[in-house]
Protein backbone atom coordinates (compact mmCIF):
# COMPACT_ATOMS: atom_id res chain seq x y z
CA MET A 1 -62.92 -5.53 25.05
CA LYS A 2 -62.82 -5.19 21.32
CA ILE A 3 -59.55 -3.86 19.85
CA ARG A 4 -60.01 -1.35 17.09
CA PRO A 5 -58.45 -2.11 13.70
CA LYS A 6 -56.47 1.12 13.81
CA LYS A 7 -54.81 0.06 17.07
CA VAL A 8 -53.99 -3.35 15.65
CA LEU A 9 -52.32 -1.66 12.69
CA LEU A 10 -50.43 0.68 15.01
CA TYR A 11 -49.20 -2.19 17.17
CA ALA A 12 -48.12 -4.08 14.06
CA LEU A 13 -46.17 -1.07 12.79
CA ILE A 14 -44.48 -0.66 16.16
CA VAL A 15 -43.48 -4.33 16.21
CA LEU A 16 -42.14 -4.06 12.64
CA LEU A 17 -40.19 -0.92 13.53
CA ILE A 18 -38.63 -2.51 16.61
CA THR A 19 -37.80 -5.64 14.62
CA GLY A 20 -36.21 -3.54 11.87
CA ILE A 21 -34.11 -1.56 14.33
CA ALA A 22 -32.99 -4.75 16.04
CA ALA A 23 -32.06 -6.30 12.69
CA CYS A 24 -30.07 -3.21 11.68
CA LEU A 25 -28.25 -3.13 15.00
CA GLY A 26 -27.59 -6.84 14.78
CA GLY A 27 -26.29 -6.49 11.22
CA ALA A 28 -24.05 -3.57 12.16
CA GLY A 29 -22.77 -5.49 15.16
CA TYR A 30 -22.04 -8.54 13.01
CA LEU A 31 -20.13 -6.46 10.45
CA TYR A 32 -18.17 -4.76 13.22
CA LEU A 33 -17.21 -8.10 14.80
CA GLN A 34 -16.32 -9.50 11.38
CA GLU A 35 -14.08 -6.51 10.65
CA ARG A 36 -12.35 -6.76 14.03
CA SER A 37 -11.80 -10.49 13.46
CA GLU A 38 -10.26 -9.90 10.03
CA THR A 39 -8.10 -7.06 11.35
CA ASP A 40 -6.78 -9.29 14.13
CA ALA A 41 -6.12 -12.08 11.62
CA TYR A 42 -4.09 -9.78 9.36
CA ARG A 43 -2.07 -8.50 12.31
CA GLU A 44 -1.37 -12.05 13.39
CA ASN A 45 -0.17 -12.81 9.86
CA ALA A 46 2.21 -9.85 9.99
CA GLN A 47 3.60 -10.97 13.34
CA GLN A 48 3.88 -14.59 12.26
CA PHE A 49 5.33 -14.20 8.78
CA THR A 50 7.48 -11.06 8.94
CA ALA A 51 10.31 -9.82 11.14
CA PRO A 52 10.55 -6.06 10.47
CA ARG A 53 13.60 -4.19 11.62
CA VAL A 54 15.58 -1.05 10.93
CA VAL A 55 19.01 -1.85 9.58
CA ILE A 56 21.83 0.67 9.85
CA PRO A 57 24.57 -0.31 7.39
CA GLU A 58 28.07 -0.58 8.77
CA ALA A 59 29.99 2.65 8.32
CA THR A 60 32.62 2.62 5.62
CA GLU A 61 36.11 3.06 7.06
CA GLN A 62 37.45 6.51 6.22
CA THR A 63 41.15 7.11 5.56
CA THR A 64 42.65 10.43 6.58
CA ASP A 65 45.72 11.99 5.00
CA PRO A 66 48.17 12.65 7.88
CA PHE A 67 49.72 15.50 5.88
CA PRO A 68 46.79 17.32 4.23
CA SER A 69 47.49 20.02 1.70
CA PRO A 70 46.66 23.57 2.88
CA GLN A 71 44.56 23.98 -0.26
CA ALA A 72 42.63 20.75 0.30
CA THR A 73 39.03 21.09 1.35
CA GLU A 74 37.48 18.44 3.53
CA GLU A 75 34.74 16.48 1.79
CA PRO A 76 31.54 16.11 3.81
CA VAL A 77 31.02 12.57 5.05
CA MET A 78 27.53 11.24 4.36
CA GLU A 79 26.01 9.35 7.25
CA ASP A 80 24.80 5.83 6.58
CA THR A 81 21.09 5.75 5.81
CA PRO A 82 18.96 3.40 7.94
CA VAL A 83 16.80 0.96 5.98
CA TYR A 84 13.46 -0.56 6.98
CA THR A 85 13.26 -4.25 6.12
CA ILE A 86 10.24 -6.59 6.13
CA ASN A 87 11.96 -10.00 6.14
CA ALA A 88 8.95 -12.04 5.06
CA ASP A 89 8.99 -15.80 5.51
CA TYR A 90 8.10 -16.71 1.95
CA ALA A 91 8.67 -20.43 2.47
CA ALA A 92 5.86 -20.48 5.03
CA LEU A 93 3.66 -18.04 3.09
CA THR A 94 3.82 -19.90 -0.22
CA GLU A 95 3.08 -23.16 1.57
CA ILE A 96 -0.23 -21.62 2.68
CA ASN A 97 -0.94 -20.02 -0.70
CA SER A 98 1.15 -20.35 -3.86
CA ASP A 99 -0.37 -17.08 -5.14
CA VAL A 100 1.80 -15.05 -2.74
CA ARG A 101 4.04 -12.68 -4.70
CA GLY A 102 5.36 -10.34 -2.02
CA TRP A 103 4.61 -8.19 1.03
CA LEU A 104 3.52 -4.54 1.26
CA CYS A 105 4.10 -2.30 4.28
CA ILE A 106 3.58 1.34 5.25
CA PRO A 107 4.90 1.46 8.84
CA GLU A 108 2.65 2.79 11.59
CA THR A 109 -0.49 2.72 9.41
CA GLY A 110 -1.64 -0.89 9.79
CA ILE A 111 -1.01 -1.50 6.08
CA ASP A 112 1.12 -4.61 6.44
CA TYR A 113 -0.10 -7.37 4.13
CA PRO A 114 0.96 -10.19 1.84
CA VAL A 115 0.49 -9.38 -1.85
CA LEU A 116 -1.30 -12.05 -3.89
CA GLN A 117 -1.80 -12.56 -7.62
CA CYS A 118 -3.78 -14.99 -9.73
CA GLY A 119 -5.16 -15.13 -13.27
CA ASN A 120 -7.91 -12.56 -12.67
CA ASN A 121 -8.66 -9.41 -10.66
CA SER A 122 -11.76 -10.70 -8.90
CA THR A 123 -10.76 -13.75 -6.83
CA TYR A 124 -9.02 -11.83 -4.04
CA LEU A 125 -11.63 -9.12 -3.80
CA ARG A 126 -13.32 -11.33 -1.20
CA ARG A 127 -10.73 -13.94 -0.25
CA GLY A 128 -7.96 -13.90 2.31
CA LEU A 129 -4.50 -15.40 2.42
CA ASP A 130 -5.97 -18.82 3.25
CA GLY A 131 -8.28 -18.69 0.23
CA LYS A 132 -11.41 -18.53 2.38
CA TYR A 133 -14.12 -15.86 2.15
CA SER A 134 -13.07 -12.49 3.56
CA ARG A 135 -15.24 -9.38 3.43
CA SER A 136 -12.16 -7.15 3.19
CA GLY A 137 -10.37 -9.40 0.69
CA SER A 138 -6.62 -9.17 0.13
CA ALA A 139 -4.04 -6.84 -1.35
CA PHE A 140 -3.45 -8.22 -4.84
CA LEU A 141 -1.30 -7.45 -7.85
CA ASP A 142 -2.97 -6.78 -11.21
CA CYS A 143 -3.22 -10.05 -13.10
CA LYS A 144 -1.72 -8.52 -16.27
CA ILE A 145 1.62 -7.77 -14.59
CA ASP A 146 4.28 -10.35 -15.37
CA LEU A 147 6.84 -10.25 -12.57
CA SER A 148 9.23 -12.42 -14.56
CA ALA A 149 9.38 -9.77 -17.32
CA ASP A 150 10.82 -6.93 -15.19
CA PRO A 151 7.65 -4.75 -15.21
CA ASP A 152 7.77 -0.95 -15.02
CA VAL A 153 4.66 -0.71 -12.82
CA PHE A 154 3.51 -2.67 -9.79
CA LEU A 155 -0.26 -2.06 -9.56
CA ILE A 156 -1.80 -3.32 -6.30
CA TYR A 157 -5.50 -3.20 -5.40
CA GLY A 158 -7.17 -3.31 -1.98
CA HIS A 159 -10.50 -2.42 -0.40
CA ALA A 160 -11.06 0.68 1.72
CA MET A 161 -13.60 -0.45 4.31
CA GLY A 162 -14.46 2.95 5.75
CA ALA A 163 -13.04 6.29 6.83
CA ASN A 164 -12.78 5.08 10.44
CA SER A 165 -11.52 1.60 9.60
CA ASP A 166 -7.99 0.24 9.99
CA LEU A 167 -8.63 -2.71 7.67
CA MET A 168 -6.93 -3.39 4.34
CA PHE A 169 -6.33 -0.13 2.37
CA SER A 170 -8.63 2.08 4.48
CA ARG A 171 -5.73 4.08 5.89
CA LEU A 172 -4.68 5.09 2.37
CA LEU A 173 -7.53 7.60 2.57
CA GLY A 174 -5.26 9.61 4.84
CA TYR A 175 -3.18 10.53 1.78
CA LYS A 176 -5.95 12.93 0.77
CA GLU A 177 -4.30 15.25 3.30
CA GLN A 178 -0.68 16.32 2.85
CA ALA A 179 0.01 15.99 6.57
CA PHE A 180 -0.47 12.24 6.25
CA LEU A 181 1.99 12.12 3.36
CA ASP A 182 4.52 14.08 5.42
CA ALA A 183 4.26 11.41 8.12
CA HIS A 184 4.33 8.49 5.68
CA PRO A 185 6.32 9.46 2.57
CA GLU A 186 7.68 5.98 1.88
CA ILE A 187 6.13 2.62 1.02
CA TYR A 188 8.02 -0.65 1.33
CA LEU A 189 7.56 -3.54 -1.09
CA SER A 190 9.14 -6.95 -0.72
CA LEU A 191 9.06 -9.52 -3.53
CA LEU A 192 9.90 -13.18 -3.69
CA PRO A 193 13.65 -13.49 -4.40
CA GLU A 194 12.99 -14.88 -7.88
CA HIS A 195 11.16 -11.65 -8.72
CA ALA A 196 13.99 -9.29 -7.72
CA ILE A 197 14.04 -6.12 -9.83
CA ASP A 198 16.85 -6.13 -12.38
CA GLY A 199 19.60 -3.58 -11.87
CA VAL A 200 18.19 -2.16 -8.61
CA GLN A 201 19.84 -2.68 -5.25
CA SER A 202 17.65 -4.35 -2.66
CA ASN A 203 17.34 -3.13 0.93
CA THR A 204 18.67 -6.53 2.01
CA GLU A 205 21.34 -8.85 0.63
CA GLU A 206 19.24 -11.99 0.85
CA GLY A 207 15.90 -10.71 -0.45
CA ALA A 208 14.17 -8.37 -2.88
CA GLU A 209 13.02 -5.44 -0.72
CA TYR A 210 12.58 -1.92 -2.03
CA THR A 211 11.76 1.58 -0.81
CA PHE A 212 9.30 3.60 -2.89
CA ARG A 213 8.72 7.32 -2.31
CA VAL A 214 5.26 8.80 -2.92
CA PHE A 215 5.27 11.35 -5.75
CA ALA A 216 1.56 11.78 -6.62
CA VAL A 217 -1.92 11.25 -5.15
CA CYS A 218 -4.75 11.22 -7.68
CA LEU A 219 -8.52 10.82 -7.84
CA VAL A 220 -9.70 8.92 -10.91
CA ASP A 221 -13.16 8.41 -12.41
CA ALA A 222 -13.52 4.62 -12.35
CA PHE A 223 -16.12 4.68 -15.13
CA SER A 224 -14.16 6.84 -17.55
CA GLU A 225 -12.34 4.62 -20.06
CA PRO A 226 -9.84 7.36 -21.05
CA GLU A 227 -8.94 8.02 -17.41
CA ILE A 228 -8.61 4.31 -16.65
CA ALA A 229 -6.35 3.84 -19.67
CA GLU A 230 -4.20 6.78 -18.58
CA HIS A 231 -3.87 5.95 -14.90
CA TYR A 232 -3.83 2.14 -14.96
CA PRO A 233 -1.30 1.08 -17.64
CA VAL A 234 0.87 -1.91 -16.86
CA GLY A 235 3.43 -1.50 -19.64
CA PHE A 236 5.03 1.12 -21.88
CA GLU A 237 6.46 1.20 -25.40
CA ASP A 238 9.67 2.95 -24.39
CA ALA A 239 11.38 5.09 -21.75
CA ASP A 240 9.82 8.29 -23.11
CA ALA A 241 6.31 6.88 -22.69
CA PHE A 242 7.15 5.85 -19.12
CA ALA A 243 8.53 9.33 -18.33
CA HIS A 244 5.41 10.94 -19.82
CA TYR A 245 3.25 8.71 -17.60
CA VAL A 246 5.15 9.75 -14.46
CA ASP A 247 4.95 13.46 -15.33
CA ALA A 248 1.23 13.14 -16.10
CA GLN A 249 0.50 11.72 -12.64
CA ARG A 250 2.56 14.47 -10.99
CA SER A 251 0.60 17.13 -12.86
CA GLN A 252 -2.74 15.65 -11.75
CA SER A 253 -1.85 15.09 -8.11
CA ILE A 254 -4.39 16.63 -5.72
CA TYR A 255 -1.51 18.52 -4.07
CA GLU A 256 2.09 19.20 -4.96
CA ILE A 257 4.72 16.76 -3.71
CA SER A 258 8.36 17.78 -3.69
CA THR A 259 9.96 14.94 -5.64
CA SER A 260 11.81 15.19 -8.93
CA GLY A 261 13.30 12.91 -11.53
CA ILE A 262 11.99 9.80 -13.20
CA PRO A 263 11.97 6.69 -10.99
CA GLU A 264 13.27 3.28 -12.03
CA LYS A 265 9.87 1.70 -11.25
CA VAL A 266 6.44 2.86 -10.11
CA LEU A 267 4.27 1.34 -7.39
CA VAL A 268 0.55 2.19 -7.63
CA LEU A 269 -1.90 1.48 -4.79
CA SER A 270 -5.55 1.68 -5.83
CA THR A 271 -8.60 1.80 -3.56
CA CYS A 272 -12.10 3.31 -3.30
CA ALA A 273 -12.11 7.06 -2.76
CA ASN A 274 -15.35 7.10 -0.75
CA PRO A 275 -15.88 3.75 0.97
CA GLY A 276 -19.23 3.02 2.54
CA GLN A 277 -21.16 4.75 -0.22
CA TYR A 278 -21.50 4.46 -3.96
CA SER A 279 -18.49 6.10 -5.51
CA ASP A 280 -17.41 6.68 -9.10
CA TYR A 281 -13.87 7.53 -8.03
CA ARG A 282 -10.74 5.66 -7.05
CA LEU A 283 -7.87 6.98 -4.96
CA LEU A 284 -4.47 6.17 -6.45
CA ILE A 285 -1.18 6.53 -4.57
CA TYR A 286 1.87 6.69 -6.85
CA ALA A 287 5.31 5.91 -5.41
CA GLY A 288 8.61 5.73 -7.25
CA LEU A 289 11.69 3.60 -6.84
CA PHE A 290 14.18 6.42 -7.31
CA ASN A 291 17.93 6.04 -7.57
CA GLU A 292 19.99 6.16 -4.39
CA ASP A 293 20.74 9.89 -4.53
CA THR A 294 17.12 10.89 -5.13
CA ASN A 295 15.63 8.36 -2.75
CA SER A 296 18.07 8.99 0.08
CA ARG A 297 16.50 9.83 3.39
CA LEU A 298 19.34 12.31 3.90
CA SER A 299 17.49 14.64 1.54
CA SER A 300 14.39 14.41 3.70
CA ASN A 301 13.79 15.95 7.11
CA LYS A 302 11.32 13.21 8.02
CA PRO A 303 12.29 10.96 10.95
CA PHE A 304 12.74 7.29 10.15
CA PRO A 305 9.60 5.30 11.08
CA ASN A 306 9.53 3.22 14.19
CA SER A 307 9.71 -0.42 13.20
CA SER A 308 7.23 -1.46 15.89
CA ARG A 309 3.65 -2.10 14.87
C-alpha cells in the first residue's frame, strides 16, 4: 500500500511534536531536580556551618530601696530583649572559600546563606560556595564595598528563581505584601570578626552579628541610570547625604513601614522583581541598623522568630 505524502508529513509532525513535548518535560524535570539539589546543598551548609540560637541576656540585678519615699514613683523595668544569633563557623567556611565575608539569615524563610565577595559582580551569579557552577549562584556583596573602611551600606545581591521557589532570594518576593513584612521585620547579618562595625554593639560578644529592621521595600527600573545611581550607592559624602538617601527610600517604598529615625548602617538586598520572565525591575529590601532604643523588639508586637529551620 502506497502511503500518501500528506500522511507522511502528518506523521512527521506528530513525531516532532511528541519529541518536543518530551524534551520540554525532560528539561523542566532536570531544572526541578537541579533546583532541589541546590536547595538541599544550601540547607546542609546552614546546618553544617552555623549554630543558630536565641539568646536571652542575663537580667541585671535590681536594687530596691527598703525605705522608699512616698513621693517616689517606681520606674518601669524593661525586660531583657532576646537576640537571634547565627554563630557561623568562619574558620571552616574560609577554608572552603576565602571569599566568604559573612552570613545572612531571615529566620523561617529559607534565606540562610554565606555572603561572598570578590573583585567583580559576575563571578557568583552562577557559582556556589565551593566555587563550582550553580544555577542559583550565591548571595554576594557588591565588589565596590570595602568592609575594612567601615561602609555605610551593605549591598547584597541574589537570584530569585521563581515565585514558587525556596531557593536563594526567591522568598524576598514575599516582601511585596505587607503581611510578609509583619511576619519577618528583621534581617540578621553576621560578618567576619575582623569586619565588625565600628561603634555598634554586636549581638554576641565573640562575633560581629547585627540585627537590621526593614524600613522600605522598593521596585527599581534596572535599566534607568538615574534610578540605579539613586538606589544603589555604596558611599556618601557626609551624614546629611546618608540621611537624605534613607528618607528617599522611605518615600518610595511600595507601602508605608512604621519605622523612624536614621539608622547607623543600611543593609540592601537586591533581586529580580519578576523571576522566570524578562523583567526591567529589581526588588530592593532596605533594612537599617538602628540604635538600641529604636531597634528594640520591646517596641514591636511581633513575636520573636523560632530559631529552628
